[in-house]
Amino acid sequence: MGFPETFKALSDPVRREILLGLRSGRMSAGDIASGFETTGATISYHLSVLKKADLVFETKEKNYIYYDLNTSVLEEMMLWFTQFQKEDTL
């Protein structure tokens, strides 16, 4: 996906919190949902948006779905942002 989907996904504070939670490693959808005071359906929607933006990977194992952070998309965004930095002049 492109930057529009990524920026849309990052625009929501709940989705940003989900990404921060995934820094420590893979989590099940239930584990992610337990950190929020909202419905499972709402967390499922947020995970869907993050997945569509390629910010998370989804892995199915038996009856569980696990999510991992896709750092390559975040790294690509960081590289894109660096073009706006002023170059140091000597």
C-alpha atoms as a PDB file:
ATOM      1  CA  MET A   1       0.000   0.000   0.000  1.00  0.00           C
ATOM      2  CA  GLY A   2       0.962   3.611  -0.293  1.00  0.00           C
ATOM      3  CA  PHE A   3       1.430   6.508   2.034  1.00  0.00           C
ATOM      4  CA  PRO A   4      -2.263   7.584   2.040  1.00  0.00           C
ATOM      5  CA  GLU A   5      -3.321   4.286   3.661  1.00  0.00           C
ATOM      6  CA  THR A   6      -0.390   4.458   6.061  1.00  0.00           C
ATOM      7  CA  PHE A   7      -1.157   8.023   7.147  1.00  0.00           C
ATOM      8  CA  LYS A   8      -4.839   7.150   7.564  1.00  0.00           C
ATOM      9  CA  ALA A   9      -3.926   4.178   9.739  1.00  0.00           C
ATOM     10  CA  LEU A  10      -1.564   6.273  11.852  1.00  0.00           C
ATOM     11  CA  SER A  11      -4.087   9.087  12.279  1.00  0.00           C
ATOM     12  CA  ASP A  12      -6.026   7.234  14.960  1.00  0.00           C
ATOM     13  CA  PRO A  13      -4.621   7.148  18.523  1.00  0.00           C
ATOM     14  CA  VAL A  14      -5.965   3.640  19.193  1.00  0.00           C
ATOM     15  CA  ARG A  15      -4.115   2.278  16.166  1.00  0.00           C
ATOM     16  CA  ARG A  16      -0.935   4.037  17.268  1.00  0.00           C
ATOM     17  CA  GLU A  17      -1.316   2.423  20.704  1.00  0.00           C
ATOM     18  CA  ILE A  18      -1.761  -0.995  19.077  1.00  0.00           C
ATOM     19  CA  LEU A  19       1.474  -0.468  17.129  1.00  0.00           C
ATOM     20  CA  LEU A  20       3.297   0.571  20.294  1.00  0.00           C
ATOM     21  CA  GLY A  21       2.048  -2.576  22.006  1.00  0.00           C
ATOM     22  CA  LEU A  22       3.372  -4.720  19.169  1.00  0.00           C
ATOM     23  CA  ARG A  23       6.903  -3.355  19.638  1.00  0.00           C
ATOM     24  CA  SER A  24       7.487  -6.021  22.265  1.00  0.00           C
ATOM     25  CA  GLY A  25       6.527  -8.790  19.862  1.00  0.00           C
ATOM     26  CA  ARG A  26       3.697 -10.805  18.428  1.00  0.00           C
ATOM     27  CA  MET A  27       0.316 -10.637  20.128  1.00  0.00           C
ATOM     28  CA  SER A  28      -3.027 -12.330  19.638  1.00  0.00           C
ATOM     29  CA  ALA A  29      -6.079 -10.252  18.805  1.00  0.00           C
ATOM     30  CA  GLY A  30      -7.464 -11.069  22.260  1.00  0.00           C
ATOM     31  CA  ASP A  31      -4.298  -9.892  23.986  1.00  0.00           C
ATOM     32  CA  ILE A  32      -4.409  -6.646  22.017  1.00  0.00           C
ATOM     33  CA  ALA A  33      -8.085  -6.121  22.846  1.00  0.00           C
ATOM     34  CA  SER A  34      -7.483  -6.698  26.568  1.00  0.00           C
ATOM     35  CA  GLY A  35      -5.475  -3.477  26.701  1.00  0.00           C
ATOM     36  CA  PHE A  36      -8.421  -1.336  25.614  1.00  0.00           C
ATOM     37  CA  GLU A  37     -11.829  -0.489  26.996  1.00  0.00           C
ATOM     38  CA  THR A  38     -13.683  -1.095  23.758  1.00  0.00           C
ATOM     39  CA  THR A  39     -15.429  -3.940  21.972  1.00  0.00           C
ATOM     40  CA  GLY A  40     -13.634  -6.736  20.199  1.00  0.00           C
ATOM     41  CA  ALA A  41     -15.319  -5.645  16.978  1.00  0.00           C
ATOM     42  CA  THR A  42     -13.781  -2.183  17.296  1.00  0.00           C
ATOM     43  CA  ILE A  43     -10.295  -3.609  17.828  1.00  0.00           C
ATOM     44  CA  SER A  44     -10.893  -5.939  14.901  1.00  0.00           C
ATOM     45  CA  TYR A  45     -11.697  -2.917  12.730  1.00  0.00           C
ATOM     46  CA  HIS A  46      -8.520  -1.128  13.835  1.00  0.00           C
ATOM     47  CA  LEU A  47      -6.441  -4.232  13.134  1.00  0.00           C
ATOM     48  CA  SER A  48      -8.017  -4.464   9.688  1.00  0.00           C
ATOM     49  CA  VAL A  49      -7.017  -0.877   8.904  1.00  0.00           C
ATOM     50  CA  LEU A  50      -3.468  -1.533  10.119  1.00  0.00           C
ATOM     51  CA  LYS A  51      -3.288  -4.698   8.034  1.00  0.00           C
ATOM     52  CA  LYS A  52      -4.575  -2.895   4.929  1.00  0.00           C
ATOM     53  CA  ALA A  53      -1.827  -0.298   5.405  1.00  0.00           C
ATOM     54  CA  ASP A  54       0.735  -3.132   5.710  1.00  0.00           C
ATOM     55  CA  LEU A  55       1.721  -1.930   9.181  1.00  0.00           C
ATOM     56  CA  VAL A  56       1.027  -5.343  10.703  1.00  0.00           C
ATOM     57  CA  PHE A  57       1.314  -8.946   9.596  1.00  0.00           C
ATOM     58  CA  GLU A  58      -1.418 -11.446  10.425  1.00  0.00           C
ATOM     59  CA  THR A  59      -0.612 -15.087  11.169  1.00  0.00           C
ATOM     60  CA  LYS A  60      -3.286 -17.715  11.836  1.00  0.00           C
ATOM     61  CA  GLU A  61      -2.420 -20.592  14.158  1.00  0.00           C
ATOM     62  CA  LYS A  62      -5.152 -23.025  15.127  1.00  0.00           C
ATOM     63  CA  ASN A  63      -7.963 -20.913  16.626  1.00  0.00           C
ATOM     64  CA  TYR A  64      -5.868 -17.777  17.107  1.00  0.00           C
ATOM     65  CA  ILE A  65      -4.802 -14.865  14.958  1.00  0.00           C
ATOM     66  CA  TYR A  66      -1.490 -13.251  15.842  1.00  0.00           C
ATOM     67  CA  TYR A  67      -0.263  -9.836  14.788  1.00  0.00           C
ATOM     68  CA  ASP A  68       3.301  -8.662  14.258  1.00  0.00           C
ATOM     69  CA  LEU A  69       4.646  -5.203  13.557  1.00  0.00           C
ATOM     70  CA  ASN A  70       5.846  -4.652   9.974  1.00  0.00           C
ATOM     71  CA  THR A  71       8.841  -2.421  10.587  1.00  0.00           C
ATOM     72  CA  SER A  72       9.785  -2.161   6.915  1.00  0.00           C
ATOM     73  CA  VAL A  73       6.844   0.174   6.197  1.00  0.00           C
ATOM     74  CA  LEU A  74       7.742   2.350   9.179  1.00  0.00           C
ATOM     75  CA  GLU A  75      11.382   2.432   8.061  1.00  0.00           C
ATOM     76  CA  GLU A  76      10.294   3.481   4.562  1.00  0.00           C
ATOM     77  CA  MET A  77       8.238   6.320   6.045  1.00  0.00           C
ATOM     78  CA  MET A  78      11.151   7.459   8.191  1.00  0.00           C
ATOM     79  CA  LEU A  79      13.386   7.568   5.131  1.00  0.00           C
ATOM     80  CA  TRP A  80      10.763   9.594   3.305  1.00  0.00           C
ATOM     81  CA  PHE A  81      10.551  12.060   6.219  1.00  0.00           C
ATOM     82  CA  THR A  82      14.309  12.595   6.249  1.00  0.00           C
ATOM     83  CA  GLN A  83      14.123  14.379   2.920  1.00  0.00           C
ATOM     84  CA  PHE A  84      12.535  17.301   4.752  1.00  0.00           C
ATOM     85  CA  GLN A  85      15.437  17.761   7.153  1.00  0.00           C
ATOM     86  CA  LYS A  86      17.634  20.774   6.600  1.00  0.00           C
ATOM     87  CA  GLU A  87      21.116  19.897   5.546  1.00  0.00           C
ATOM     88  CA  ASP A  88      23.765  21.075   7.951  1.00  0.00           C
ATOM     89  CA  THR A  89      25.929  23.763   6.469  1.00  0.00           C
ATOM     90  CA  LEU A  90      29.502  24.205   7.593  1.00  0.00           C
END
